[in-house]
């Protein structure tokens, strides 16, 4: 009888260790090993996924705080409350475009949710520059993650849950 409270506490601790990742765009969710850039596909930066967007509205893939917005506006670093860090990298080899196709509207220190618009990306401009438009989401500090699971592939709407992880 007295063990009932301990069980509820243990369940709460386990639920706090679970994390959710969301689609940053409307489009096709793919496993990170399908991304055409070997730095991502070989998981050199960490595990994750990508979305091939059907439109240019890019949202936060997590609940967290913006750590950094790259000067070229093509990538955003995010810290979640549990210490897990995420990189949202918009397009492949897009750093050399010097921010041209990106209207990134978040700022460092800003609290964000999966409903927060991060950037509007001109997909036609990416295509004209010969750039892959994959929106890559990577957990960059995998040592903080015990396990990671991509739970949805194929078509997904922005801000819908597509992956989960457990904090180590």
C-alpha atoms as a PDB file:
ATOM      1  CA  UNK A   1       0.000   0.000   0.000  1.00  0.00           C
ATOM      2  CA  UNK A   2       2.760   2.471   0.850  1.00  0.00           C
ATOM      3  CA  UNK A   3       4.545   1.626  -2.395  1.00  0.00           C
ATOM      4  CA  UNK A   4       1.828   3.391  -4.435  1.00  0.00           C
ATOM      5  CA  UNK A   5       3.415   6.824  -4.026  1.00  0.00           C
ATOM      6  CA  UNK A   6       6.860   5.555  -4.945  1.00  0.00           C
ATOM      7  CA  UNK A   7       5.470   4.045  -8.140  1.00  0.00           C
ATOM      8  CA  UNK A   8       3.929   7.399  -9.175  1.00  0.00           C
ATOM      9  CA  UNK A   9       7.228   9.198  -8.492  1.00  0.00           C
ATOM     10  CA  UNK A  10       9.123   6.649 -10.593  1.00  0.00           C
ATOM     11  CA  UNK A  11       6.620   7.057 -13.442  1.00  0.00           C
ATOM     12  CA  UNK A  12       7.047  10.844 -13.319  1.00  0.00           C
ATOM     13  CA  UNK A  13      10.841  10.553 -13.456  1.00  0.00           C
ATOM     14  CA  UNK A  14      10.628   8.216 -16.469  1.00  0.00           C
ATOM     15  CA  UNK A  15       8.230  10.568 -18.308  1.00  0.00           C
ATOM     16  CA  UNK A  16      10.616  13.503 -17.730  1.00  0.00           C
ATOM     17  CA  UNK A  17      13.367  11.490 -19.426  1.00  0.00           C
ATOM     18  CA  UNK A  18      11.349  11.038 -22.624  1.00  0.00           C
ATOM     19  CA  UNK A  19      11.720  13.638 -25.336  1.00  0.00           C
ATOM     20  CA  UNK A  20       9.799  14.409 -28.505  1.00  0.00           C
ATOM     21  CA  UNK A  21      10.990  15.754 -31.847  1.00  0.00           C
ATOM     22  CA  UNK A  22       8.654  17.293 -34.394  1.00  0.00           C
ATOM     23  CA  UNK A  23       8.579  17.867 -38.135  1.00  0.00           C
ATOM     24  CA  UNK A  24       9.957  21.333 -38.887  1.00  0.00           C
ATOM     25  CA  UNK A  25       8.013  21.542 -42.148  1.00  0.00           C
ATOM     26  CA  UNK A  26       5.226  20.085 -44.226  1.00  0.00           C
ATOM     27  CA  UNK A  27       6.801  17.408 -46.370  1.00  0.00           C
ATOM     28  CA  UNK A  28       8.450  14.009 -46.480  1.00  0.00           C
ATOM     29  CA  UNK A  29      10.249  12.819 -43.342  1.00  0.00           C
ATOM     30  CA  UNK A  30      13.339  10.701 -44.094  1.00  0.00           C
ATOM     31  CA  UNK A  31      15.894   8.951 -41.917  1.00  0.00           C
ATOM     32  CA  UNK A  32      19.152  10.857 -41.536  1.00  0.00           C
ATOM     33  CA  UNK A  33      21.090   8.098 -43.319  1.00  0.00           C
ATOM     34  CA  UNK A  34      19.112   8.969 -46.484  1.00  0.00           C
ATOM     35  CA  UNK A  35      20.415  12.577 -46.527  1.00  0.00           C
ATOM     36  CA  UNK A  36      22.795  13.206 -49.451  1.00  0.00           C
ATOM     37  CA  UNK A  37      25.470  14.929 -47.310  1.00  0.00           C
ATOM     38  CA  UNK A  38      27.837  12.377 -45.685  1.00  0.00           C
ATOM     39  CA  UNK A  39      28.438  14.604 -42.645  1.00  0.00           C
ATOM     40  CA  UNK A  40      24.769  14.075 -41.787  1.00  0.00           C
ATOM     41  CA  UNK A  41      24.084  10.651 -43.324  1.00  0.00           C
ATOM     42  CA  UNK A  42      27.065   9.054 -41.571  1.00  0.00           C
ATOM     43  CA  UNK A  43      25.887  10.660 -38.299  1.00  0.00           C
ATOM     44  CA  UNK A  44      29.155  12.539 -37.785  1.00  0.00           C
ATOM     45  CA  UNK A  45      27.228  15.345 -36.060  1.00  0.00           C
ATOM     46  CA  UNK A  46      24.702  13.065 -34.348  1.00  0.00           C
ATOM     47  CA  UNK A  47      21.502  11.192 -35.052  1.00  0.00           C
ATOM     48  CA  UNK A  48      18.276  12.656 -36.364  1.00  0.00           C
ATOM     49  CA  UNK A  49      16.153  12.977 -39.489  1.00  0.00           C
ATOM     50  CA  UNK A  50      15.338  15.341 -42.316  1.00  0.00           C
ATOM     51  CA  UNK A  51      12.225  16.698 -43.970  1.00  0.00           C
ATOM     52  CA  UNK A  52      12.011  17.419 -47.684  1.00  0.00           C
ATOM     53  CA  UNK A  53       9.648  20.405 -47.516  1.00  0.00           C
ATOM     54  CA  UNK A  54       6.672  21.103 -49.734  1.00  0.00           C
ATOM     55  CA  UNK A  55       6.670  24.778 -48.752  1.00  0.00           C
ATOM     56  CA  UNK A  56       9.166  27.215 -47.253  1.00  0.00           C
ATOM     57  CA  UNK A  57       7.718  27.658 -43.765  1.00  0.00           C
ATOM     58  CA  UNK A  58      10.166  26.102 -41.291  1.00  0.00           C
ATOM     59  CA  UNK A  59       9.187  25.614 -37.646  1.00  0.00           C
ATOM     60  CA  UNK A  60      11.039  24.575 -34.529  1.00  0.00           C
ATOM     61  CA  UNK A  61      11.510  20.801 -34.241  1.00  0.00           C
ATOM     62  CA  UNK A  62      11.431  20.990 -30.405  1.00  0.00           C
ATOM     63  CA  UNK A  63      10.464  22.920 -27.319  1.00  0.00           C
ATOM     64  CA  UNK A  64      13.541  24.818 -26.214  1.00  0.00           C
ATOM     65  CA  UNK A  65      15.637  27.962 -26.300  1.00  0.00           C
ATOM     66  CA  UNK A  66      17.559  29.304 -29.288  1.00  0.00           C
ATOM     67  CA  UNK A  67      21.281  28.977 -28.532  1.00  0.00           C
ATOM     68  CA  UNK A  68      22.572  30.370 -31.793  1.00  0.00           C
ATOM     69  CA  UNK A  69      21.478  31.626 -35.172  1.00  0.00           C
ATOM     70  CA  UNK A  70      24.258  31.205 -37.713  1.00  0.00           C
ATOM     71  CA  UNK A  71      25.237  34.506 -39.410  1.00  0.00           C
ATOM     72  CA  UNK A  72      24.253  33.005 -42.777  1.00  0.00           C
ATOM     73  CA  UNK A  73      20.760  32.238 -41.362  1.00  0.00           C
ATOM     74  CA  UNK A  74      20.883  28.638 -42.645  1.00  0.00           C
ATOM     75  CA  UNK A  75      21.134  26.934 -39.253  1.00  0.00           C
ATOM     76  CA  UNK A  76      19.817  27.334 -35.719  1.00  0.00           C
ATOM     77  CA  UNK A  77      21.125  25.700 -32.546  1.00  0.00           C
ATOM     78  CA  UNK A  78      18.526  24.883 -29.881  1.00  0.00           C
ATOM     79  CA  UNK A  79      18.883  23.779 -26.243  1.00  0.00           C
ATOM     80  CA  UNK A  80      16.081  21.829 -24.589  1.00  0.00           C
ATOM     81  CA  UNK A  81      15.394  21.963 -20.841  1.00  0.00           C
ATOM     82  CA  UNK A  82      16.806  18.448 -20.416  1.00  0.00           C
ATOM     83  CA  UNK A  83      20.208  19.498 -21.814  1.00  0.00           C
ATOM     84  CA  UNK A  84      19.776  17.880 -25.235  1.00  0.00           C
ATOM     85  CA  UNK A  85      20.997  20.122 -28.070  1.00  0.00           C
ATOM     86  CA  UNK A  86      19.484  20.225 -31.540  1.00  0.00           C
ATOM     87  CA  UNK A  87      20.800  21.655 -34.780  1.00  0.00           C
ATOM     88  CA  UNK A  88      18.226  22.634 -37.396  1.00  0.00           C
ATOM     89  CA  UNK A  89      20.199  22.876 -40.642  1.00  0.00           C
ATOM     90  CA  UNK A  90      18.186  24.301 -43.533  1.00  0.00           C
ATOM     91  CA  UNK A  91      19.287  22.844 -46.838  1.00  0.00           C
ATOM     92  CA  UNK A  92      22.622  21.251 -47.707  1.00  0.00           C
ATOM     93  CA  UNK A  93      25.728  23.239 -48.610  1.00  0.00           C
ATOM     94  CA  UNK A  94      23.702  26.399 -48.083  1.00  0.00           C
ATOM     95  CA  UNK A  95      26.268  28.293 -46.000  1.00  0.00           C
ATOM     96  CA  UNK A  96      27.830  29.621 -49.213  1.00  0.00           C
ATOM     97  CA  UNK A  97      24.552  31.349 -50.129  1.00  0.00           C
ATOM     98  CA  UNK A  98      25.256  33.918 -47.379  1.00  0.00           C
ATOM     99  CA  UNK A  99      21.689  33.906 -46.088  1.00  0.00           C
ATOM    100  CA  UNK A 100      20.062  34.888 -49.386  1.00  0.00           C
ATOM    101  CA  UNK A 101      17.161  32.365 -49.442  1.00  0.00           C
ATOM    102  CA  UNK A 102      16.498  32.499 -45.672  1.00  0.00           C
ATOM    103  CA  UNK A 103      14.294  34.882 -43.712  1.00  0.00           C
ATOM    104  CA  UNK A 104      15.196  33.556 -40.268  1.00  0.00           C
ATOM    105  CA  UNK A 105      13.149  35.358 -37.634  1.00  0.00           C
ATOM    106  CA  UNK A 106      14.180  33.807 -34.285  1.00  0.00           C
ATOM    107  CA  UNK A 107      16.837  35.333 -32.037  1.00  0.00           C
ATOM    108  CA  UNK A 108      19.339  33.947 -29.538  1.00  0.00           C
ATOM    109  CA  UNK A 109      17.749  33.360 -26.147  1.00  0.00           C
ATOM    110  CA  UNK A 110      14.213  33.137 -27.558  1.00  0.00           C
ATOM    111  CA  UNK A 111      11.973  30.381 -26.134  1.00  0.00           C
ATOM    112  CA  UNK A 112      10.422  28.334 -28.934  1.00  0.00           C
ATOM    113  CA  UNK A 113       7.887  25.546 -29.470  1.00  0.00           C
ATOM    114  CA  UNK A 114       7.023  23.390 -32.494  1.00  0.00           C
ATOM    115  CA  UNK A 115       4.526  26.106 -33.450  1.00  0.00           C
ATOM    116  CA  UNK A 116       7.264  28.785 -33.605  1.00  0.00           C
ATOM    117  CA  UNK A 117       8.196  29.859 -37.137  1.00  0.00           C
ATOM    118  CA  UNK A 118      11.998  29.709 -37.398  1.00  0.00           C
ATOM    119  CA  UNK A 119      12.449  30.810 -40.985  1.00  0.00           C
ATOM    120  CA  UNK A 120      10.804  31.219 -44.334  1.00  0.00           C
ATOM    121  CA  UNK A 121      12.983  29.658 -47.014  1.00  0.00           C
ATOM    122  CA  UNK A 122      12.741  30.473 -50.707  1.00  0.00           C
ATOM    123  CA  UNK A 123      12.754  26.905 -52.041  1.00  0.00           C
ATOM    124  CA  UNK A 124      12.890  28.086 -55.667  1.00  0.00           C
ATOM    125  CA  UNK A 125      16.039  30.076 -54.900  1.00  0.00           C
ATOM    126  CA  UNK A 126      17.613  26.965 -53.315  1.00  0.00           C
ATOM    127  CA  UNK A 127      16.710  24.946 -56.407  1.00  0.00           C
ATOM    128  CA  UNK A 128      18.105  27.614 -58.757  1.00  0.00           C
ATOM    129  CA  UNK A 129      21.383  27.542 -56.780  1.00  0.00           C
ATOM    130  CA  UNK A 130      21.525  23.745 -57.169  1.00  0.00           C
ATOM    131  CA  UNK A 131      21.126  23.143 -53.421  1.00  0.00           C
ATOM    132  CA  UNK A 132      19.381  20.236 -51.716  1.00  0.00           C
ATOM    133  CA  UNK A 133      16.416  21.529 -49.712  1.00  0.00           C
ATOM    134  CA  UNK A 134      16.496  18.904 -46.917  1.00  0.00           C
ATOM    135  CA  UNK A 135      15.702  20.429 -43.532  1.00  0.00           C
ATOM    136  CA  UNK A 136      17.968  18.399 -41.236  1.00  0.00           C
ATOM    137  CA  UNK A 137      17.328  17.948 -37.507  1.00  0.00           C
ATOM    138  CA  UNK A 138      20.304  16.548 -35.567  1.00  0.00           C
ATOM    139  CA  UNK A 139      20.855  15.774 -31.893  1.00  0.00           C
ATOM    140  CA  UNK A 140      24.389  17.129 -31.556  1.00  0.00           C
ATOM    141  CA  UNK A 141      25.175  15.844 -28.063  1.00  0.00           C
ATOM    142  CA  UNK A 142      24.226  12.172 -28.403  1.00  0.00           C
ATOM    143  CA  UNK A 143      26.089  11.374 -25.161  1.00  0.00           C
ATOM    144  CA  UNK A 144      23.008  12.809 -23.398  1.00  0.00           C
ATOM    145  CA  UNK A 145      20.672  10.412 -25.241  1.00  0.00           C
ATOM    146  CA  UNK A 146      20.185   6.763 -24.243  1.00  0.00           C
ATOM    147  CA  UNK A 147      18.095   5.880 -27.282  1.00  0.00           C
ATOM    148  CA  UNK A 148      16.548   7.601 -30.282  1.00  0.00           C
ATOM    149  CA  UNK A 149      13.699   6.411 -32.512  1.00  0.00           C
ATOM    150  CA  UNK A 150      12.378   7.897 -35.735  1.00  0.00           C
ATOM    151  CA  UNK A 151       8.702   6.952 -35.435  1.00  0.00           C
ATOM    152  CA  UNK A 152       7.317   8.532 -38.620  1.00  0.00           C
ATOM    153  CA  UNK A 153       8.627   8.502 -42.173  1.00  0.00           C
ATOM    154  CA  UNK A 154       6.851   9.684 -45.292  1.00  0.00           C
ATOM    155  CA  UNK A 155       4.435  12.595 -45.457  1.00  0.00           C
ATOM    156  CA  UNK A 156       3.970  14.644 -42.296  1.00  0.00           C
ATOM    157  CA  UNK A 157       2.593  18.036 -41.391  1.00  0.00           C
ATOM    158  CA  UNK A 158       4.740  20.654 -39.692  1.00  0.00           C
ATOM    159  CA  UNK A 159       4.715  20.506 -35.877  1.00  0.00           C
ATOM    160  CA  UNK A 160       3.641  16.850 -35.693  1.00  0.00           C
ATOM    161  CA  UNK A 161       5.686  14.419 -33.611  1.00  0.00           C
ATOM    162  CA  UNK A 162       8.013  12.278 -35.766  1.00  0.00           C
ATOM    163  CA  UNK A 163      10.698  10.998 -33.363  1.00  0.00           C
ATOM    164  CA  UNK A 164      11.366  10.317 -29.702  1.00  0.00           C
ATOM    165  CA  UNK A 165      14.345   9.783 -27.448  1.00  0.00           C
ATOM    166  CA  UNK A 166      15.218   8.954 -23.880  1.00  0.00           C
ATOM    167  CA  UNK A 167      17.682  11.064 -21.911  1.00  0.00           C
ATOM    168  CA  UNK A 168      20.716   9.106 -20.706  1.00  0.00           C
END
